[in-house]
Amino acid sequence: MKNIGFLAVVVATFVVAATAGSFFQDFELTWGGGRAKILENGNLLTLSLDKASGSGFRSKNEYLFGKIDMQLKLVPGNSAGTVTAYYLSSLGPTHDEIDFEFLGNLSGDPYTLHTNVFSQGKGNREQQFHLWFDPTKDFHTYSVQWNPASIIFSVDGTPIREFKNLETKGVPFPKNQPMRIYSSLWDAEDWATRGGLVKTDWSQAPFTASYRNFNAEACVRSSSGSSSCSSSSGQSLDATGQAKLRLVQKNYMIYNYCTDIRRFPQGLPPECSFA
């Protein structure tokens, strides 16, 4: 990737921090009772879902620009109807959000990796992929690189999606609202698997997803203020990165909102013209 002074200038109450601590240090369990667990001296976190409840956690820090990595191992076997969500989000009706969501499957079918970007409360920017490996067999790294120029989604270091800052073309871009990291495992059988045709098989419960090796090289908001890092510089994919992205999208993308003419009869969103 082409580095143009990434996070060169950080102002006021934000600091650039490299974090690779324990889950005890960086996260808090937010719901689900004992279904969310931190294990192995803080090196492993698991979320579980049963018929009574799912579970979730969030980061203690808020971030504004940076690179966020997490390794996940997804629910194995028949995970139809379940969703493992891993995302960054601010709060409020005009919130920003950067989403990875993993939609469960029948045994033997591929998982669907669902991505989305919200800016100023508006989303509807979905791209979906089938992965080139079984994400339930081992841990894989899912990364978000977020800076004033672009948002890059990567899997095991391979870029799969880039959402560029096109504010000059009238497209809102997340740049002012710090976001926490969230994750949850929950039941979404009304839509998650084949549009809701395949329901959750509760005889397979509890369903469990696992997390390890969190790392953040990011701008962290301190507890004393709310200034932004918007003066920091950005980076986008270079020619090599763009070639890798095109290859992944050609072979593994299964849905792109920018080609869904029926969904947008009045015309595709403006950023689609510059993709």
C-alpha atoms as a PDB file:
ATOM      1  CA  MET A   1       0.000   0.000   0.000  1.00  0.00           C
ATOM      2  CA  LYS A   2       1.090   3.524  -0.668  1.00  0.00           C
ATOM      3  CA  ASN A   3       1.788   5.373   2.556  1.00  0.00           C
ATOM      4  CA  ILE A   4       1.219   9.131   2.444  1.00  0.00           C
ATOM      5  CA  GLY A   5       2.139  10.026   5.974  1.00  0.00           C
ATOM      6  CA  PHE A   6      -0.579   7.894   7.585  1.00  0.00           C
ATOM      7  CA  LEU A   7      -1.589   9.412  10.924  1.00  0.00           C
ATOM      8  CA  ALA A   8       1.267  11.885  10.638  1.00  0.00           C
ATOM      9  CA  VAL A   9      -0.564  14.554  12.620  1.00  0.00           C
ATOM     10  CA  VAL A  10      -2.714  13.786  15.625  1.00  0.00           C
ATOM     11  CA  VAL A  11      -4.420  16.602  17.495  1.00  0.00           C
ATOM     12  CA  ALA A  12      -5.834  17.389  20.924  1.00  0.00           C
ATOM     13  CA  THR A  13      -7.059  14.451  22.973  1.00  0.00           C
ATOM     14  CA  PHE A  14      -6.206  11.545  20.666  1.00  0.00           C
ATOM     15  CA  VAL A  15      -3.029   9.515  20.783  1.00  0.00           C
ATOM     16  CA  VAL A  16      -1.682   6.975  18.331  1.00  0.00           C
ATOM     17  CA  ALA A  17      -1.456   3.669  20.164  1.00  0.00           C
ATOM     18  CA  ALA A  18      -0.280   0.208  19.197  1.00  0.00           C
ATOM     19  CA  THR A  19      -2.332  -2.287  21.198  1.00  0.00           C
ATOM     20  CA  ALA A  20      -1.787  -6.010  21.396  1.00  0.00           C
ATOM     21  CA  GLY A  21      -2.809  -6.643  24.988  1.00  0.00           C
ATOM     22  CA  SER A  22      -5.149  -9.144  26.562  1.00  0.00           C
ATOM     23  CA  PHE A  23      -8.895  -9.202  26.104  1.00  0.00           C
ATOM     24  CA  PHE A  24      -9.170  -8.276  29.789  1.00  0.00           C
ATOM     25  CA  GLN A  25      -7.264  -5.081  29.025  1.00  0.00           C
ATOM     26  CA  ASP A  26      -8.920  -4.044  25.772  1.00  0.00           C
ATOM     27  CA  PHE A  27     -12.527  -5.281  25.900  1.00  0.00           C
ATOM     28  CA  GLU A  28     -15.575  -5.636  28.113  1.00  0.00           C
ATOM     29  CA  LEU A  29     -18.301  -8.276  27.895  1.00  0.00           C
ATOM     30  CA  THR A  30     -21.574  -6.423  27.330  1.00  0.00           C
ATOM     31  CA  TRP A  31     -24.421  -8.935  27.139  1.00  0.00           C
ATOM     32  CA  GLY A  32     -25.361 -12.589  27.158  1.00  0.00           C
ATOM     33  CA  GLY A  33     -24.639 -13.485  30.753  1.00  0.00           C
ATOM     34  CA  GLY A  34     -22.059 -16.269  30.952  1.00  0.00           C
ATOM     35  CA  ARG A  35     -22.254 -16.923  27.213  1.00  0.00           C
ATOM     36  CA  ALA A  36     -19.383 -14.483  26.591  1.00  0.00           C
ATOM     37  CA  LYS A  37     -16.103 -15.630  28.137  1.00  0.00           C
ATOM     38  CA  ILE A  38     -12.497 -14.475  28.318  1.00  0.00           C
ATOM     39  CA  LEU A  39     -10.181 -17.481  28.654  1.00  0.00           C
ATOM     40  CA  GLU A  40      -6.512 -18.508  28.622  1.00  0.00           C
ATOM     41  CA  ASN A  41      -5.296 -15.564  30.739  1.00  0.00           C
ATOM     42  CA  GLY A  42      -6.958 -13.069  28.414  1.00  0.00           C
ATOM     43  CA  ASN A  43      -5.625 -14.510  25.155  1.00  0.00           C
ATOM     44  CA  LEU A  44      -8.904 -16.033  23.950  1.00  0.00           C
ATOM     45  CA  LEU A  45     -12.480 -14.738  23.878  1.00  0.00           C
ATOM     46  CA  THR A  46     -15.530 -16.817  22.971  1.00  0.00           C
ATOM     47  CA  LEU A  47     -19.136 -15.873  22.249  1.00  0.00           C
ATOM     48  CA  SER A  48     -21.975 -18.385  22.391  1.00  0.00           C
ATOM     49  CA  LEU A  49     -25.583 -18.450  21.215  1.00  0.00           C
ATOM     50  CA  ASP A  50     -28.397 -20.669  22.444  1.00  0.00           C
ATOM     51  CA  LYS A  51     -32.160 -20.419  22.111  1.00  0.00           C
ATOM     52  CA  ALA A  52     -32.384 -18.105  25.110  1.00  0.00           C
ATOM     53  CA  SER A  53     -29.765 -15.519  24.106  1.00  0.00           C
ATOM     54  CA  GLY A  54     -26.715 -14.590  22.141  1.00  0.00           C
ATOM     55  CA  SER A  55     -23.771 -12.617  23.516  1.00  0.00           C
ATOM     56  CA  GLY A  56     -21.424  -9.763  22.734  1.00  0.00           C
ATOM     57  CA  PHE A  57     -18.507  -7.552  23.693  1.00  0.00           C
ATOM     58  CA  ARG A  58     -17.080  -4.132  22.889  1.00  0.00           C
ATOM     59  CA  SER A  59     -13.762  -2.338  23.091  1.00  0.00           C
ATOM     60  CA  LYS A  60     -12.959  -0.093  26.024  1.00  0.00           C
ATOM     61  CA  ASN A  61     -11.299   2.396  23.660  1.00  0.00           C
ATOM     62  CA  GLU A  62     -12.790   4.533  20.911  1.00  0.00           C
ATOM     63  CA  TYR A  63     -10.783   4.844  17.700  1.00  0.00           C
ATOM     64  CA  LEU A  64     -10.603   7.432  14.945  1.00  0.00           C
ATOM     65  CA  PHE A  65      -8.482   6.137  12.039  1.00  0.00           C
ATOM     66  CA  GLY A  66      -6.064   3.260  12.216  1.00  0.00           C
ATOM     67  CA  LYS A  67      -5.603  -0.408  11.428  1.00  0.00           C
ATOM     68  CA  ILE A  68      -7.638  -2.917  13.421  1.00  0.00           C
ATOM     69  CA  ASP A  69      -6.882  -6.661  13.247  1.00  0.00           C
ATOM     70  CA  MET A  70      -8.758  -9.549  14.854  1.00  0.00           C
ATOM     71  CA  GLN A  71      -8.466 -13.280  14.337  1.00  0.00           C
ATOM     72  CA  LEU A  72     -11.774 -15.176  14.310  1.00  0.00           C
ATOM     73  CA  LYS A  73     -12.740 -18.819  14.099  1.00  0.00           C
ATOM     74  CA  LEU A  74     -16.400 -19.067  13.166  1.00  0.00           C
ATOM     75  CA  VAL A  75     -19.217 -21.342  14.310  1.00  0.00           C
ATOM     76  CA  PRO A  76     -18.599 -24.811  12.809  1.00  0.00           C
ATOM     77  CA  GLY A  77     -21.085 -27.298  11.385  1.00  0.00           C
ATOM     78  CA  ASN A  78     -24.680 -26.294  10.739  1.00  0.00           C
ATOM     79  CA  SER A  79     -24.634 -22.597  11.649  1.00  0.00           C
ATOM     80  CA  ALA A  80     -27.659 -21.649   9.533  1.00  0.00           C
ATOM     81  CA  GLY A  81     -29.558 -18.668  10.928  1.00  0.00           C
ATOM     82  CA  THR A  82     -26.661 -17.385  13.012  1.00  0.00           C
ATOM     83  CA  VAL A  83     -24.718 -14.168  12.461  1.00  0.00           C
ATOM     84  CA  THR A  84     -21.299 -13.378  13.882  1.00  0.00           C
ATOM     85  CA  ALA A  85     -20.957  -9.600  13.648  1.00  0.00           C
ATOM     86  CA  TYR A  86     -17.598  -7.834  14.034  1.00  0.00           C
ATOM     87  CA  TYR A  87     -17.660  -4.107  13.374  1.00  0.00           C
ATOM     88  CA  LEU A  88     -16.720  -0.565  14.334  1.00  0.00           C
ATOM     89  CA  SER A  89     -19.512   1.855  15.175  1.00  0.00           C
ATOM     90  CA  SER A  90     -20.250   5.228  16.714  1.00  0.00           C
ATOM     91  CA  LEU A  91     -23.582   5.972  18.404  1.00  0.00           C
ATOM     92  CA  GLY A  92     -26.636   8.037  17.530  1.00  0.00           C
ATOM     93  CA  PRO A  93     -29.005   8.481  14.569  1.00  0.00           C
ATOM     94  CA  THR A  94     -26.206   9.771  12.306  1.00  0.00           C
ATOM     95  CA  HIS A  95     -23.737   7.102  13.343  1.00  0.00           C
ATOM     96  CA  ASP A  96     -20.832   5.791  11.264  1.00  0.00           C
ATOM     97  CA  GLU A  97     -20.162   2.068  10.987  1.00  0.00           C
ATOM     98  CA  ILE A  98     -17.755  -0.348   9.285  1.00  0.00           C
ATOM     99  CA  ASP A  99     -19.082  -3.922   9.186  1.00  0.00           C
ATOM    100  CA  PHE A 100     -17.877  -7.472   8.875  1.00  0.00           C
ATOM    101  CA  GLU A 101     -20.798  -9.888   9.314  1.00  0.00           C
ATOM    102  CA  PHE A 102     -20.498 -13.643   8.863  1.00  0.00           C
ATOM    103  CA  LEU A 103     -23.772 -15.287   7.838  1.00  0.00           C
ATOM    104  CA  GLY A 104     -24.108 -18.919   8.902  1.00  0.00           C
ATOM    105  CA  ASN A 105     -24.648 -21.872   6.613  1.00  0.00           C
ATOM    106  CA  LEU A 106     -25.817 -25.426   6.321  1.00  0.00           C
ATOM    107  CA  SER A 107     -23.006 -27.917   6.830  1.00  0.00           C
ATOM    108  CA  GLY A 108     -20.954 -28.120   3.663  1.00  0.00           C
ATOM    109  CA  ASP A 109     -22.136 -24.809   2.233  1.00  0.00           C
ATOM    110  CA  PRO A 110     -19.878 -21.736   2.272  1.00  0.00           C
ATOM    111  CA  TYR A 111     -20.165 -18.968   4.814  1.00  0.00           C
ATOM    112  CA  THR A 112     -21.206 -15.565   3.457  1.00  0.00           C
ATOM    113  CA  LEU A 113     -18.993 -12.635   4.449  1.00  0.00           C
ATOM    114  CA  HIS A 114     -21.181  -9.527   4.426  1.00  0.00           C
ATOM    115  CA  THR A 115     -19.567  -6.052   4.456  1.00  0.00           C
ATOM    116  CA  ASN A 116     -21.164  -2.634   4.765  1.00  0.00           C
ATOM    117  CA  VAL A 117     -20.212   0.995   5.381  1.00  0.00           C
ATOM    118  CA  PHE A 118     -22.461   3.538   7.117  1.00  0.00           C
ATOM    119  CA  SER A 119     -21.713   7.249   7.036  1.00  0.00           C
ATOM    120  CA  GLN A 120     -23.867   9.809   8.833  1.00  0.00           C
ATOM    121  CA  GLY A 121     -26.521   7.188   9.493  1.00  0.00           C
ATOM    122  CA  LYS A 122     -26.798   5.937   5.917  1.00  0.00           C
ATOM    123  CA  GLY A 123     -25.746   2.434   4.911  1.00  0.00           C
ATOM    124  CA  ASN A 124     -27.083   0.276   2.065  1.00  0.00           C
ATOM    125  CA  ARG A 125     -23.552  -0.259   0.739  1.00  0.00           C
ATOM    126  CA  GLU A 126     -23.364  -4.042   0.977  1.00  0.00           C
ATOM    127  CA  GLN A 127     -20.825  -6.267  -0.704  1.00  0.00           C
ATOM    128  CA  GLN A 128     -20.827 -10.002  -0.015  1.00  0.00           C
ATOM    129  CA  PHE A 129     -18.194 -12.678  -0.563  1.00  0.00           C
ATOM    130  CA  HIS A 130     -17.600 -16.395  -0.267  1.00  0.00           C
ATOM    131  CA  LEU A 131     -14.212 -17.034   1.307  1.00  0.00           C
ATOM    132  CA  TRP A 132     -11.494 -19.138  -0.317  1.00  0.00           C
ATOM    133  CA  PHE A 133     -11.073 -21.267   2.835  1.00  0.00           C
ATOM    134  CA  ASP A 134     -13.238 -22.799   5.557  1.00  0.00           C
ATOM    135  CA  PRO A 135     -13.392 -20.095   8.263  1.00  0.00           C
ATOM    136  CA  THR A 136     -14.520 -22.619  10.897  1.00  0.00           C
ATOM    137  CA  LYS A 137     -11.418 -24.834  10.776  1.00  0.00           C
ATOM    138  CA  ASP A 138      -8.860 -22.339  12.014  1.00  0.00           C
ATOM    139  CA  PHE A 139      -8.349 -18.700  12.949  1.00  0.00           C
ATOM    140  CA  HIS A 140      -8.062 -16.115  10.158  1.00  0.00           C
ATOM    141  CA  THR A 141      -7.281 -12.406  10.365  1.00  0.00           C
ATOM    142  CA  TYR A 142      -9.973  -9.872   9.449  1.00  0.00           C
ATOM    143  CA  SER A 143      -8.713  -6.300   9.195  1.00  0.00           C
ATOM    144  CA  VAL A 144     -10.057  -2.794   8.736  1.00  0.00           C
ATOM    145  CA  GLN A 145      -7.670  -0.052   7.681  1.00  0.00           C
ATOM    146  CA  TRP A 146      -9.458   3.273   8.094  1.00  0.00           C
ATOM    147  CA  ASN A 147      -7.969   6.647   7.278  1.00  0.00           C
ATOM    148  CA  PRO A 148      -9.122   9.938   5.715  1.00  0.00           C
ATOM    149  CA  ALA A 149      -8.570   8.597   2.191  1.00  0.00           C
ATOM    150  CA  SER A 150     -10.268   5.213   2.322  1.00  0.00           C
ATOM    151  CA  ILE A 151     -11.546   2.204   4.246  1.00  0.00           C
ATOM    152  CA  ILE A 152      -9.884  -1.074   3.275  1.00  0.00           C
ATOM    153  CA  PHE A 153     -11.305  -4.457   4.296  1.00  0.00           C
ATOM    154  CA  SER A 154      -8.766  -7.303   4.265  1.00  0.00           C
ATOM    155  CA  VAL A 155      -8.736 -11.034   4.973  1.00  0.00           C
ATOM    156  CA  ASP A 156      -5.400 -12.572   5.942  1.00  0.00           C
ATOM    157  CA  GLY A 157      -3.723  -9.487   4.504  1.00  0.00           C
ATOM    158  CA  THR A 158      -5.511  -9.674   1.145  1.00  0.00           C
ATOM    159  CA  PRO A 159      -7.716  -6.654   0.352  1.00  0.00           C
ATOM    160  CA  ILE A 160     -11.287  -7.566  -0.562  1.00  0.00           C
ATOM    161  CA  ARG A 161     -12.936  -4.149  -0.566  1.00  0.00           C
ATOM    162  CA  GLU A 162     -12.016  -0.461  -0.627  1.00  0.00           C
ATOM    163  CA  PHE A 163     -14.454   2.369   0.117  1.00  0.00           C
ATOM    164  CA  LYS A 164     -12.788   5.602  -0.951  1.00  0.00           C
ATOM    165  CA  ASN A 165     -13.395   9.078   0.375  1.00  0.00           C
ATOM    166  CA  LEU A 166     -15.467  10.716  -2.358  1.00  0.00           C
ATOM    167  CA  GLU A 167     -16.754  13.692  -0.386  1.00  0.00           C
ATOM    168  CA  THR A 168     -15.852  15.935  -3.312  1.00  0.00           C
ATOM    169  CA  LYS A 169     -18.440  13.929  -5.306  1.00  0.00           C
ATOM    170  CA  GLY A 170     -21.113  14.390  -2.640  1.00  0.00           C
ATOM    171  CA  VAL A 171     -20.625  11.024  -0.891  1.00  0.00           C
ATOM    172  CA  PRO A 172     -20.459  11.201   2.942  1.00  0.00           C
ATOM    173  CA  PHE A 173     -17.398   9.513   4.461  1.00  0.00           C
ATOM    174  CA  PRO A 174     -16.793   8.444   8.074  1.00  0.00           C
ATOM    175  CA  LYS A 175     -14.131  10.807   9.381  1.00  0.00           C
ATOM    176  CA  ASN A 176     -15.310  12.740  12.454  1.00  0.00           C
ATOM    177  CA  GLN A 177     -16.930  10.238  14.810  1.00  0.00           C
ATOM    178  CA  PRO A 178     -14.724   7.935  16.885  1.00  0.00           C
ATOM    179  CA  MET A 179     -15.907   4.332  16.922  1.00  0.00           C
ATOM    180  CA  ARG A 180     -15.707   1.415  19.300  1.00  0.00           C
ATOM    181  CA  ILE A 181     -15.168  -2.163  18.179  1.00  0.00           C
ATOM    182  CA  TYR A 182     -18.168  -4.403  18.744  1.00  0.00           C
ATOM    183  CA  SER A 183     -18.860  -8.063  18.203  1.00  0.00           C
ATOM    184  CA  SER A 184     -21.903 -10.236  18.771  1.00  0.00           C
ATOM    185  CA  LEU A 185     -23.208 -13.696  17.993  1.00  0.00           C
ATOM    186  CA  TRP A 186     -26.965 -13.690  17.503  1.00  0.00           C
ATOM    187  CA  ASP A 187     -29.916 -15.385  15.850  1.00  0.00           C
ATOM    188  CA  ALA A 188     -31.048 -13.891  12.538  1.00  0.00           C
ATOM    189  CA  GLU A 189     -32.901 -16.821  11.033  1.00  0.00           C
ATOM    190  CA  ASP A 190     -35.428 -14.508   9.386  1.00  0.00           C
ATOM    191  CA  TRP A 191     -32.799 -13.348   6.862  1.00  0.00           C
ATOM    192  CA  ALA A 192     -29.280 -14.698   7.449  1.00  0.00           C
ATOM    193  CA  THR A 193     -29.242 -17.954   5.464  1.00  0.00           C
ATOM    194  CA  ARG A 194     -30.672 -17.993   1.948  1.00  0.00           C
ATOM    195  CA  GLY A 195     -32.788 -14.957   2.750  1.00  0.00           C
ATOM    196  CA  GLY A 196     -34.397 -16.663   5.731  1.00  0.00           C
ATOM    197  CA  LEU A 197     -35.388 -19.874   3.948  1.00  0.00           C
ATOM    198  CA  VAL A 198     -33.122 -21.954   6.197  1.00  0.00           C
ATOM    199  CA  LYS A 199     -33.917 -21.646   9.906  1.00  0.00           C
ATOM    200  CA  THR A 200     -31.736 -22.136  12.955  1.00  0.00           C
ATOM    201  CA  ASP A 201     -31.461 -25.750  14.112  1.00  0.00           C
ATOM    202  CA  TRP A 202     -31.445 -25.348  17.891  1.00  0.00           C
ATOM    203  CA  SER A 203     -30.490 -28.981  18.380  1.00  0.00           C
ATOM    204  CA  GLN A 204     -26.994 -27.839  17.291  1.00  0.00           C
ATOM    205  CA  ALA A 205     -26.773 -25.207  20.054  1.00  0.00           C
ATOM    206  CA  PRO A 206     -24.824 -23.804  21.713  1.00  0.00           C
ATOM    207  CA  PHE A 207     -23.125 -22.147  18.751  1.00  0.00           C
ATOM    208  CA  THR A 208     -19.677 -20.712  19.529  1.00  0.00           C
ATOM    209  CA  ALA A 209     -17.289 -18.309  17.762  1.00  0.00           C
ATOM    210  CA  SER A 210     -13.737 -17.657  18.998  1.00  0.00           C
ATOM    211  CA  TYR A 211     -11.434 -14.611  18.919  1.00  0.00           C
ATOM    212  CA  ARG A 212      -7.719 -14.064  19.477  1.00  0.00           C
ATOM    213  CA  ASN A 213      -4.741 -11.846  18.558  1.00  0.00           C
ATOM    214  CA  PHE A 214      -6.466  -8.485  18.588  1.00  0.00           C
ATOM    215  CA  ASN A 215      -4.170  -5.692  17.446  1.00  0.00           C
ATOM    216  CA  ALA A 216      -4.807  -1.983  16.922  1.00  0.00           C
ATOM    217  CA  GLU A 217      -2.430   0.580  15.477  1.00  0.00           C
ATOM    218  CA  ALA A 218      -4.895   3.393  15.757  1.00  0.00           C
ATOM    219  CA  CYS A 219      -5.782   6.817  17.054  1.00  0.00           C
ATOM    220  CA  VAL A 220      -7.385   6.365  20.488  1.00  0.00           C
ATOM    221  CA  ARG A 221      -9.566   8.955  22.162  1.00  0.00           C
ATOM    222  CA  SER A 222      -8.535   9.797  25.707  1.00  0.00           C
ATOM    223  CA  SER A 223     -11.076  10.019  28.498  1.00  0.00           C
ATOM    224  CA  SER A 224     -10.868  13.795  28.712  1.00  0.00           C
ATOM    225  CA  GLY A 225     -12.055  15.046  25.337  1.00  0.00           C
ATOM    226  CA  SER A 226     -13.580  14.575  21.907  1.00  0.00           C
ATOM    227  CA  SER A 227     -11.374  16.222  19.306  1.00  0.00           C
ATOM    228  CA  SER A 228     -10.738  14.501  15.990  1.00  0.00           C
ATOM    229  CA  CYS A 229      -7.755  13.237  14.044  1.00  0.00           C
ATOM    230  CA  SER A 230      -9.171  14.536  10.789  1.00  0.00           C
ATOM    231  CA  SER A 231      -5.952  16.418  10.075  1.00  0.00           C
ATOM    232  CA  SER A 232      -4.042  13.164   9.659  1.00  0.00           C
ATOM    233  CA  SER A 233      -3.127  12.039   6.168  1.00  0.00           C
ATOM    234  CA  GLY A 234      -4.401   8.954   4.398  1.00  0.00           C
ATOM    235  CA  GLN A 235      -3.468   6.111   2.161  1.00  0.00           C
ATOM    236  CA  SER A 236      -5.203   3.982  -0.422  1.00  0.00           C
ATOM    237  CA  LEU A 237      -4.355   0.803  -2.277  1.00  0.00           C
ATOM    238  CA  ASP A 238      -1.465   0.963  -4.717  1.00  0.00           C
ATOM    239  CA  ALA A 239      -1.503  -0.820  -8.086  1.00  0.00           C
ATOM    240  CA  THR A 240      -0.499  -4.167  -6.549  1.00  0.00           C
ATOM    241  CA  GLY A 241      -3.218  -3.909  -3.919  1.00  0.00           C
ATOM    242  CA  GLN A 242      -5.796  -2.958  -6.524  1.00  0.00           C
ATOM    243  CA  ALA A 243      -4.844  -5.986  -8.621  1.00  0.00           C
ATOM    244  CA  LYS A 244      -5.288  -8.308  -5.623  1.00  0.00           C
ATOM    245  CA  LEU A 245      -8.641  -6.702  -4.819  1.00  0.00           C
ATOM    246  CA  ARG A 246      -9.898  -7.112  -8.386  1.00  0.00           C
ATOM    247  CA  LEU A 247      -8.893 -10.785  -8.357  1.00  0.00           C
ATOM    248  CA  VAL A 248     -10.780 -11.457  -5.125  1.00  0.00           C
ATOM    249  CA  GLN A 249     -13.844  -9.585  -6.327  1.00  0.00           C
ATOM    250  CA  LYS A 250     -13.829 -11.402  -9.655  1.00  0.00           C
ATOM    251  CA  ASN A 251     -13.619 -14.847  -8.063  1.00  0.00           C
ATOM    252  CA  TYR A 252     -15.350 -14.550  -4.687  1.00  0.00           C
ATOM    253  CA  MET A 253     -17.785 -11.615  -4.674  1.00  0.00           C
ATOM    254  CA  ILE A 254     -21.405 -12.790  -4.743  1.00  0.00           C
ATOM    255  CA  TYR A 255     -23.217  -9.461  -4.293  1.00  0.00           C
ATOM    256  CA  ASN A 256     -22.342  -5.839  -5.019  1.00  0.00           C
ATOM    257  CA  TYR A 257     -24.854  -3.062  -4.360  1.00  0.00           C
ATOM    258  CA  CYS A 258     -23.250  -1.071  -7.174  1.00  0.00           C
ATOM    259  CA  THR A 259     -24.585  -3.549  -9.741  1.00  0.00           C
ATOM    260  CA  ASP A 260     -28.070  -3.973  -8.241  1.00  0.00           C
ATOM    261  CA  ILE A 261     -30.094  -1.885 -10.675  1.00  0.00           C
ATOM    262  CA  ARG A 262     -33.426  -3.297  -9.469  1.00  0.00           C
ATOM    263  CA  ARG A 263     -32.707  -2.114  -5.947  1.00  0.00           C
ATOM    264  CA  PHE A 264     -31.935   1.436  -7.089  1.00  0.00           C
ATOM    265  CA  PRO A 265     -34.462   2.174  -9.860  1.00  0.00           C
ATOM    266  CA  GLN A 266     -33.766   5.912  -9.589  1.00  0.00           C
ATOM    267  CA  GLY A 267     -30.072   5.308 -10.281  1.00  0.00           C
ATOM    268  CA  LEU A 268     -27.137   3.708  -8.513  1.00  0.00           C
ATOM    269  CA  PRO A 269     -25.507   5.546  -5.569  1.00  0.00           C
ATOM    270  CA  PRO A 270     -23.035   8.178  -6.798  1.00  0.00           C
ATOM    271  CA  GLU A 271     -19.928   6.388  -5.511  1.00  0.00           C
ATOM    272  CA  CYS A 272     -20.669   3.493  -7.842  1.00  0.00           C
ATOM    273  CA  SER A 273     -19.677   5.652 -10.800  1.00  0.00           C
ATOM    274  CA  PHE A 274     -16.171   6.017  -9.377  1.00  0.00           C
ATOM    275  CA  ALA A 275     -15.585   2.477  -8.105  1.00  0.00           C
END
